[in-house]
C-alpha cells in the first residue's frame, strides 16, 4: 500500500492511511544499528517539555540536520567524515520521550521541533535532509524560516496534499504483491490472537520480518532495513496509535499552497525511488516541478529507502548537495577539485523538472499527470482543482 487514500468516511480513511503509513514508519528495532560513533548525544526539550533524542557527530561546514535518526543514522553516518551531522528522533518515536496525548502529535509540532533542535546545536544556517513525511516537515520549516536553510535534500517526500492521486506511470506496481499475502495473513492472525498486547516486542519482530521488504526494491536487500524493535516506541501497541494521531492531524490540516513556496530561493534536490510503495514517485516529481530551484533524481527500481537499493547513487548525490557542487547553486567557496569527482553524477541530476525558462512547453497540471482532489473532511465532494500551472518542462532521462 501507499499513502494514497481513496474515498470513504473520514474515520475509515484515517484508519487506512494510518495502516499504510505504519509500513512507511515500519515497526523496526534493534541495538547496534547506529554507526556514527559517540559524538554528542542527549535530549533537547521542546516547548511542551517533550524530550527529543539527538546525536551530533563529525565536524566541518555545513551543519546538516536530519530528523528520523532512528531510521537513517546507521546509513548516513559516513556524511560526518566531512560535515557536522545532527540526527534526532521525532517526538514520540525512537529514543525520544513516549507520548500518550494526541494533542502533542502533529506536523506543526514537528516543524517547531526542528527549530528547537537548530537552536540547541547553535546552527545559524544548515542543510536539511527530510525523508518520507519529514520531507514535508522540512519544506514547511523552510517556508517559515528561509533564512536558516542553506540547501535541502528530500528523499521520498510525502506529497504536499495528502491523498493526491497520481497516474499509474508514477505509482509503484508489484506482481505478485509485496509483501507476500500469506505472511501478512499469519501476522494478522497472531494479532487477532492478542500477540501485540501479550508480547509487543515479538509482534514488532514479526511485523519487521513481514513488511521490511516493502521498503526496498530488491527483496534480497530486505535484511538491510533497520530493525528497531528494541525501542518500545516502535512497538505497534504504541506506534499504531502514534501514526493514527499524526496522519489524522495531517489530513485535518490545511495543506500549504504552492504559492507558499514560490518565493523560496533555497536549492533543493529531490531523490525518489521509482518503485516507492509508500509514497508514490509522483510526489517527488511534483515537489521538484513546483519548487523554484529544484532538481529531481529518480532512482530506477528503488523503493522508499533508495539509499539501500542504490547507495552508490544516493549517498554521493547527497554529498554533491552538502559540498555545494550542483552547478545552479554552487557554493562560492566550494572545493572545485572535490566537485570534479562528482562530475558524472552532477550531469545526471543537474536538470530541472520545470526550469524557470527556455526549453519546453506550457503545461497544465494534467500534463504533469497529477489529479488534485479535495479531502473528504466534513463530507465535501471531491473536486478537481482546474487551475493551470504556467510552467515549462524539460525532459531528462531521470524523469521518464
Protein backbone atom coordinates (compact mmCIF):
# COMPACT_ATOMS: atom_id res chain seq x y z
CA UNK A 1 0.00 0.00 0.00
CA UNK A 2 0.98 3.63 -0.35
CA UNK A 3 -0.29 6.77 1.39
CA UNK A 4 -2.77 7.47 -1.38
CA UNK A 5 -6.16 7.13 0.27
CA UNK A 6 -9.31 6.98 -1.81
CA UNK A 7 -12.85 7.90 -0.85
CA UNK A 8 -14.84 6.68 2.12
CA UNK A 9 -15.64 8.13 5.51
CA UNK A 10 -13.12 10.30 7.30
CA UNK A 11 -12.65 7.72 10.05
CA UNK A 12 -12.09 4.83 7.69
CA UNK A 13 -9.82 6.99 5.56
CA UNK A 14 -7.69 7.87 8.56
CA UNK A 15 -7.52 4.22 9.60
CA UNK A 16 -6.48 3.18 6.10
CA UNK A 17 -3.93 5.98 5.94
CA UNK A 18 -2.52 5.09 9.33
CA UNK A 19 -2.15 1.43 8.46
CA UNK A 20 -0.39 2.20 5.19
CA UNK A 21 1.87 4.83 6.75
CA UNK A 22 2.60 2.40 9.54
CA UNK A 23 4.53 0.48 6.92
CA UNK A 24 6.24 3.72 5.93
CA UNK A 25 7.39 4.13 9.54
CA UNK A 26 7.57 0.37 9.95
CA UNK A 27 7.86 -1.19 13.41
CA UNK A 28 11.54 -1.89 13.33
CA UNK A 29 14.09 -2.04 16.11
CA UNK A 30 17.43 -3.30 17.38
CA UNK A 31 20.60 -2.47 19.14
CA UNK A 32 23.75 -1.82 17.16
CA UNK A 33 22.00 -0.10 14.26
CA UNK A 34 23.69 3.27 14.66
CA UNK A 35 27.22 3.70 13.37
CA UNK A 36 28.05 7.39 13.79
CA UNK A 37 30.29 6.99 16.84
CA UNK A 38 29.94 8.67 20.25
CA UNK A 39 29.86 12.39 19.37
CA UNK A 40 27.50 14.49 21.49
CA UNK A 41 24.17 12.94 22.39
CA UNK A 42 21.35 13.65 24.77
CA UNK A 43 17.92 15.24 24.90
CA UNK A 44 16.69 18.68 23.93
CA UNK A 45 13.38 19.85 25.40
CA UNK A 46 10.64 21.03 23.07
CA UNK A 47 8.40 23.92 24.13
CA UNK A 48 5.86 21.49 25.62
CA UNK A 49 8.56 19.64 27.58
CA UNK A 50 8.85 16.64 25.24
CA UNK A 51 12.37 15.22 25.23
CA UNK A 52 13.85 14.81 21.74
CA UNK A 53 16.82 12.49 21.46
CA UNK A 54 19.65 13.90 19.32
CA UNK A 55 23.13 12.86 18.31
CA UNK A 56 25.67 15.29 16.86
CA UNK A 57 28.71 13.80 15.12
CA UNK A 58 31.52 14.98 12.89
CA UNK A 59 32.75 18.47 12.22
CA UNK A 60 33.02 20.83 9.30
CA UNK A 61 30.78 23.04 7.26
CA UNK A 62 27.89 22.91 6.64
CA UNK A 63 25.90 21.66 9.60
CA UNK A 64 23.34 19.10 8.45
CA UNK A 65 20.19 18.36 10.48
CA UNK A 66 18.47 15.05 9.80
CA UNK A 67 15.21 14.09 11.55
CA UNK A 68 14.34 10.37 11.77
CA UNK A 69 17.77 9.45 13.08
CA UNK A 70 16.38 6.10 14.24
CA UNK A 71 15.96 5.11 10.57
CA UNK A 72 18.81 7.00 8.91
CA UNK A 73 21.76 7.31 11.27
CA UNK A 74 23.40 3.97 10.55
CA UNK A 75 23.49 4.51 6.79
CA UNK A 76 24.11 8.25 6.74
CA UNK A 77 26.85 8.27 9.39
CA UNK A 78 29.54 8.43 6.69
CA UNK A 79 28.45 12.00 5.90
CA UNK A 80 30.06 13.03 9.20
CA UNK A 81 33.54 12.49 7.75
CA UNK A 82 33.42 15.98 6.25
CA UNK A 83 30.41 17.66 7.85
CA UNK A 84 28.70 18.27 11.18
CA UNK A 85 25.66 15.99 11.22
CA UNK A 86 22.84 16.26 13.77
CA UNK A 87 20.48 13.29 13.85
CA UNK A 88 17.38 13.35 16.02
CA UNK A 89 14.35 11.17 16.63
CA UNK A 90 10.91 12.69 16.09
CA UNK A 91 8.68 13.31 19.09
CA UNK A 92 7.20 10.11 20.42
CA UNK A 93 9.44 7.95 18.21
CA UNK A 94 12.64 6.00 18.64
CA UNK A 95 14.61 7.14 21.69
CA UNK A 96 12.62 10.34 22.22
CA UNK A 97 10.08 10.60 25.03
CA UNK A 98 6.96 8.45 24.58
CA UNK A 99 3.71 10.38 24.15
CA UNK A 100 0.19 9.35 25.12
CA UNK A 101 -1.60 12.63 24.38
CA UNK A 102 -2.84 13.12 20.80
CA UNK A 103 -2.69 16.92 21.14
CA UNK A 104 1.10 16.67 21.38
CA UNK A 105 1.47 14.96 18.00
CA UNK A 106 1.14 16.96 14.77
CA UNK A 107 3.14 18.06 11.77
CA UNK A 108 3.12 21.63 13.11
CA UNK A 109 4.84 20.43 16.29
CA UNK A 110 7.36 18.50 14.16
CA UNK A 111 8.20 21.76 12.38
CA UNK A 112 8.62 23.52 15.73
CA UNK A 113 10.84 20.65 16.95
CA UNK A 114 13.20 21.16 14.02
CA UNK A 115 13.65 24.78 15.08
CA UNK A 116 14.19 23.67 18.69
CA UNK A 117 16.98 21.32 17.62
CA UNK A 118 18.57 24.01 15.42
CA UNK A 119 18.66 26.45 18.32
CA UNK A 120 20.06 23.83 20.66
CA UNK A 121 23.00 22.99 18.38
CA UNK A 122 23.50 26.72 17.62
CA UNK A 123 23.41 26.33 13.84
CA UNK A 124 22.78 29.73 12.29
CA UNK A 125 22.20 28.06 8.92
CA UNK A 126 22.07 24.40 8.00
CA UNK A 127 21.32 21.86 5.32
CA UNK A 128 18.05 20.00 5.97
CA UNK A 129 17.52 16.37 4.96
CA UNK A 130 13.90 15.21 5.08
CA UNK A 131 12.86 11.61 4.41
CA UNK A 132 9.26 10.49 3.92
CA UNK A 133 6.70 12.65 5.77
CA UNK A 134 9.62 14.59 7.23
CA UNK A 135 10.24 15.90 3.73
CA UNK A 136 7.05 17.90 4.14
CA UNK A 137 8.17 18.93 7.65
CA UNK A 138 11.43 20.28 6.20
CA UNK A 139 9.62 22.18 3.43
CA UNK A 140 7.15 23.74 5.86
CA UNK A 141 10.07 24.75 8.06
CA UNK A 142 11.91 26.32 5.11
CA UNK A 143 8.82 28.32 4.17
CA UNK A 144 8.71 29.81 7.68
CA UNK A 145 12.48 30.12 8.25
CA UNK A 146 14.04 30.54 4.78
CA UNK A 147 17.00 32.43 6.23
CA UNK A 148 18.03 29.35 8.25
CA UNK A 149 18.18 26.78 5.46
CA UNK A 150 21.14 26.70 3.05
CA UNK A 151 20.08 23.73 0.97
CA UNK A 152 17.55 20.90 1.18
CA UNK A 153 17.58 17.20 0.32
CA UNK A 154 14.18 15.49 0.13
CA UNK A 155 14.11 11.69 -0.02
CA UNK A 156 10.81 10.02 -0.89
CA UNK A 157 8.90 13.09 0.37
CA UNK A 158 5.24 12.88 1.30
CA UNK A 159 3.00 14.74 -1.16
CA UNK A 160 2.21 18.36 -0.36
CA UNK A 161 -1.50 17.46 -0.31
CA UNK A 162 -2.19 14.17 1.42
CA UNK A 163 -4.31 11.82 -0.74
CA UNK A 164 -3.09 13.29 -4.01
CA UNK A 165 -3.66 10.72 -6.75
CA UNK A 166 -1.07 10.00 -9.40
CA UNK A 167 -1.30 8.15 -12.72
CA UNK A 168 -0.11 4.57 -13.00
CA UNK A 169 3.16 5.63 -14.58
CA UNK A 170 4.09 7.49 -11.38
CA UNK A 171 2.97 4.79 -8.91
CA UNK A 172 4.71 1.54 -7.96
CA UNK A 173 3.24 -1.77 -9.13
CA UNK A 174 4.04 -5.27 -7.89
CA UNK A 175 3.14 -8.68 -9.24
CA UNK A 176 2.97 -10.75 -7.11
CA UNK A 177 2.03 -8.46 -4.21
CA UNK A 178 4.68 -7.18 -1.79
CA UNK A 179 4.78 -8.28 0.98
CA UNK A 180 3.69 -11.87 0.48
CA UNK A 181 -0.03 -12.15 1.28
CA UNK A 182 0.35 -15.47 3.12
CA UNK A 183 2.86 -13.94 5.55
CA UNK A 184 0.60 -10.94 6.05
CA UNK A 185 -2.24 -13.34 6.93
CA UNK A 186 -0.07 -15.10 9.54
CA UNK A 187 0.78 -11.78 11.18
CA UNK A 188 -2.87 -10.69 11.14
CA UNK A 189 -3.93 -13.97 12.78
CA UNK A 190 -1.31 -13.58 15.51
CA UNK A 191 -2.55 -10.09 16.23
CA UNK A 192 -6.16 -11.21 16.39
CA UNK A 193 -4.96 -13.72 19.00
CA UNK A 194 -3.58 -10.84 21.07
CA UNK A 195 0.13 -11.01 20.25
CA UNK A 196 0.58 -7.21 20.20
CA UNK A 197 -0.55 -6.83 23.82
CA UNK A 198 0.78 -10.16 25.11
CA UNK A 199 4.28 -9.83 23.64
CA UNK A 200 4.68 -6.44 21.93
CA UNK A 201 8.33 -6.92 21.08
CA UNK A 202 7.67 -10.25 19.36
CA UNK A 203 4.81 -8.58 17.47
CA UNK A 204 7.24 -5.90 16.31
CA UNK A 205 9.74 -8.52 15.20
CA UNK A 206 7.10 -10.39 13.19
CA UNK A 207 5.95 -7.13 11.60
CA UNK A 208 9.54 -6.34 10.68
CA UNK A 209 10.07 -9.76 9.12
CA UNK A 210 6.90 -9.44 7.03
CA UNK A 211 6.88 -5.79 5.98
CA UNK A 212 10.53 -4.72 5.67
CA UNK A 213 10.58 -5.94 2.07
CA UNK A 214 8.23 -3.08 1.12
CA UNK A 215 10.92 -0.53 1.80
CA UNK A 216 13.39 -1.86 -0.78
CA UNK A 217 13.05 -2.56 -4.47
CA UNK A 218 15.27 -5.64 -4.38
CA UNK A 219 13.90 -8.16 -1.85
CA UNK A 220 17.40 -9.50 -1.30
CA UNK A 221 18.19 -6.22 0.46
CA UNK A 222 15.35 -6.52 2.98
CA UNK A 223 17.74 -7.56 5.75
CA UNK A 224 19.41 -4.14 5.41
CA UNK A 225 16.27 -2.34 6.60
CA UNK A 226 16.99 -1.14 10.16
CA UNK A 227 15.48 -3.34 12.85
CA UNK A 228 14.47 -1.10 15.76
CA UNK A 229 12.33 -3.43 17.84
CA UNK A 230 14.49 -2.88 20.92
CA UNK A 231 12.78 0.53 21.21
CA UNK A 232 9.32 0.37 22.88
CA UNK A 233 8.18 3.48 20.96
CA UNK A 234 8.36 1.33 17.81
CA UNK A 235 6.09 -1.44 19.10
CA UNK A 236 2.74 -1.48 17.35
CA UNK A 237 0.79 -1.02 20.59
CA UNK A 238 2.27 2.50 20.72
CA UNK A 239 3.36 3.14 17.14
CA UNK A 240 0.00 2.40 15.53
CA UNK A 241 -1.71 4.92 17.78
CA UNK A 242 1.02 7.49 17.15
CA UNK A 243 0.77 7.17 13.37
CA UNK A 244 -3.03 7.36 13.55
CA UNK A 245 -2.85 10.61 15.52
CA UNK A 246 -0.16 12.09 13.28
CA UNK A 247 -1.92 11.45 10.00
CA UNK A 248 -5.28 12.44 11.40
CA UNK A 249 -3.64 15.79 12.12
CA UNK A 250 -2.12 15.93 8.63
CA UNK A 251 -5.46 15.14 6.98
CA UNK A 252 -7.29 17.74 9.06
CA UNK A 253 -4.57 20.31 8.46
CA UNK A 254 -4.85 22.79 5.63
CA UNK A 255 -2.14 21.76 3.18
CA UNK A 256 0.26 24.58 2.33
CA UNK A 257 -0.35 26.05 -1.11
CA UNK A 258 2.32 26.07 -3.80
CA UNK A 259 2.29 29.85 -3.57
CA UNK A 260 3.72 29.47 -0.08
CA UNK A 261 6.90 28.05 -1.63
CA UNK A 262 7.01 30.31 -4.69
CA UNK A 263 9.49 32.73 -3.16
CA UNK A 264 11.74 30.07 -1.64
CA UNK A 265 15.21 30.53 -3.10
CA UNK A 266 16.69 27.54 -1.26
CA UNK A 267 18.18 24.94 -3.64
CA UNK A 268 16.52 21.53 -3.33
CA UNK A 269 17.48 18.07 -4.51
CA UNK A 270 14.60 15.58 -4.54
CA UNK A 271 15.62 11.91 -4.53
CA UNK A 272 12.82 9.42 -5.11
CA UNK A 273 12.72 5.69 -5.84
CA UNK A 274 10.69 4.84 -8.93
CA UNK A 275 9.34 1.75 -7.12
CA UNK A 276 8.44 3.56 -3.88
CA UNK A 277 5.40 1.73 -2.48
CA UNK A 278 4.88 4.06 0.48
CA UNK A 279 4.99 7.46 -1.19
CA UNK A 280 4.50 7.38 -4.99
CA UNK A 281 7.28 8.62 -7.22
CA UNK A 282 4.76 11.17 -8.47
CA UNK A 283 5.02 13.02 -5.15
CA UNK A 284 8.75 13.61 -5.58
CA UNK A 285 8.26 14.68 -9.16
CA UNK A 286 5.53 17.08 -8.05
CA UNK A 287 7.75 18.73 -5.43
CA UNK A 288 10.59 19.13 -7.93
CA UNK A 289 8.18 20.54 -10.50
CA UNK A 290 6.84 23.30 -8.29
CA UNK A 291 9.80 24.46 -6.24
CA UNK A 292 11.66 27.42 -7.72
CA UNK A 293 15.16 25.89 -7.59
CA UNK A 294 14.87 22.10 -7.51
CA UNK A 295 16.35 19.04 -9.16
CA UNK A 296 14.90 15.53 -9.28
CA UNK A 297 16.97 12.35 -9.10
CA UNK A 298 14.73 9.40 -9.88
CA UNK A 299 16.24 6.07 -8.81
CA UNK A 300 15.04 3.20 -11.03
CA UNK A 301 13.97 0.08 -9.15
CA UNK A 302 14.43 1.68 -5.72
CA UNK A 303 11.69 1.86 -3.10
CA UNK A 304 11.14 4.04 -0.02
CA UNK A 305 14.72 3.60 1.22
CA UNK A 306 16.56 4.27 -2.06
CA UNK A 307 19.94 4.51 -0.33
CA UNK A 308 19.68 0.76 0.38
CA UNK A 309 18.88 -0.09 -3.24
CA UNK A 310 21.40 2.32 -4.77
CA UNK A 311 23.93 3.55 -2.17
CA UNK A 312 26.42 4.24 -4.95
CA UNK A 313 24.00 6.83 -6.37
CA UNK A 314 22.06 8.25 -3.42
CA UNK A 315 24.83 8.94 -0.91
CA UNK A 316 27.14 10.62 -3.45
CA UNK A 317 24.17 12.73 -4.61
CA UNK A 318 23.65 13.93 -1.05
CA UNK A 319 27.35 14.74 -0.80
CA UNK A 320 27.08 16.78 -4.00
CA UNK A 321 24.49 18.96 -2.26
CA UNK A 322 26.40 19.17 1.02
CA UNK A 323 29.56 20.20 -0.80
CA UNK A 324 27.75 22.88 -2.83
CA UNK A 325 28.63 21.28 -6.16
CA UNK A 326 25.41 21.41 -8.20
CA UNK A 327 26.06 23.97 -10.91
CA UNK A 328 22.97 26.08 -10.40
CA UNK A 329 23.70 26.66 -6.73
CA UNK A 330 27.43 26.02 -6.43
CA UNK A 331 28.81 27.27 -3.15
CA UNK A 332 31.09 30.28 -3.86
CA UNK A 333 33.84 28.84 -1.67
CA UNK A 334 33.40 25.21 -2.72
CA UNK A 335 36.42 23.00 -3.40
CA UNK A 336 36.45 22.71 -7.19
CA UNK A 337 38.71 19.66 -7.07
CA UNK A 338 36.28 17.88 -4.81
CA UNK A 339 33.39 18.77 -7.11
CA UNK A 340 35.21 17.36 -10.13
CA UNK A 341 34.98 13.91 -8.54
CA UNK A 342 31.21 14.18 -8.84
CA UNK A 343 31.05 15.45 -12.44
CA UNK A 344 29.25 12.42 -13.90
CA UNK A 345 26.67 12.38 -11.12
CA UNK A 346 26.20 16.14 -11.31
CA UNK A 347 25.47 15.88 -15.04
CA UNK A 348 22.82 13.23 -14.35
CA UNK A 349 20.91 15.35 -11.84
CA UNK A 350 21.68 18.89 -12.97
CA UNK A 351 18.40 19.25 -14.82
CA UNK A 352 15.12 20.57 -13.59
CA UNK A 353 11.65 19.15 -13.97
CA UNK A 354 10.32 22.65 -14.60
CA UNK A 355 13.12 25.13 -15.24
CA UNK A 356 12.43 28.83 -14.98
CA UNK A 357 12.60 29.32 -18.69
CA UNK A 358 13.67 28.46 -22.14
CA UNK A 359 13.25 24.86 -23.17
CA UNK A 360 9.75 23.48 -23.12
CA UNK A 361 6.08 23.96 -23.48
CA UNK A 362 3.42 25.47 -21.28
CA UNK A 363 1.93 22.74 -19.15
CA UNK A 364 -1.19 22.29 -17.10
CA UNK A 365 -1.41 20.07 -14.03
CA UNK A 366 -2.99 17.41 -16.22
CA UNK A 367 0.19 17.49 -18.35
CA UNK A 368 2.11 16.58 -15.21
CA UNK A 369 -0.21 13.62 -14.74
CA UNK A 370 -1.47 14.76 -11.34
CA UNK A 371 -5.10 14.86 -10.31
CA UNK A 372 -5.72 17.08 -7.30
CA UNK A 373 -8.75 16.22 -5.21
CA UNK A 374 -10.14 17.83 -2.09
CA UNK A 375 -10.06 15.92 1.17
CA UNK A 376 -13.30 14.31 2.30
CA UNK A 377 -13.24 16.01 5.68
CA UNK A 378 -16.73 17.32 6.52
CA UNK A 379 -18.18 15.20 3.73
CA UNK A 380 -17.23 17.55 0.89
CA UNK A 381 -17.36 16.03 -2.56
CA UNK A 382 -14.10 15.50 -4.30
CA UNK A 383 -13.39 18.20 -6.82
CA UNK A 384 -10.65 18.85 -9.30
CA UNK A 385 -8.58 21.98 -8.94
CA UNK A 386 -8.56 23.01 -12.56
CA UNK A 387 -6.18 25.96 -12.47
CA UNK A 388 -3.39 25.77 -14.97
CA UNK A 389 0.18 25.86 -13.85
CA UNK A 390 2.06 28.29 -16.02
CA UNK A 391 5.34 26.43 -16.05
CA UNK A 392 7.79 24.95 -18.53
CA UNK A 393 9.01 21.38 -18.72
CA UNK A 394 12.36 19.96 -19.85
CA UNK A 395 12.84 16.25 -20.33
CA UNK A 396 15.52 14.24 -18.58
CA UNK A 397 16.43 10.58 -18.54
CA UNK A 398 15.82 10.54 -14.79
CA UNK A 399 12.26 11.76 -15.27
CA UNK A 400 10.92 9.21 -17.73
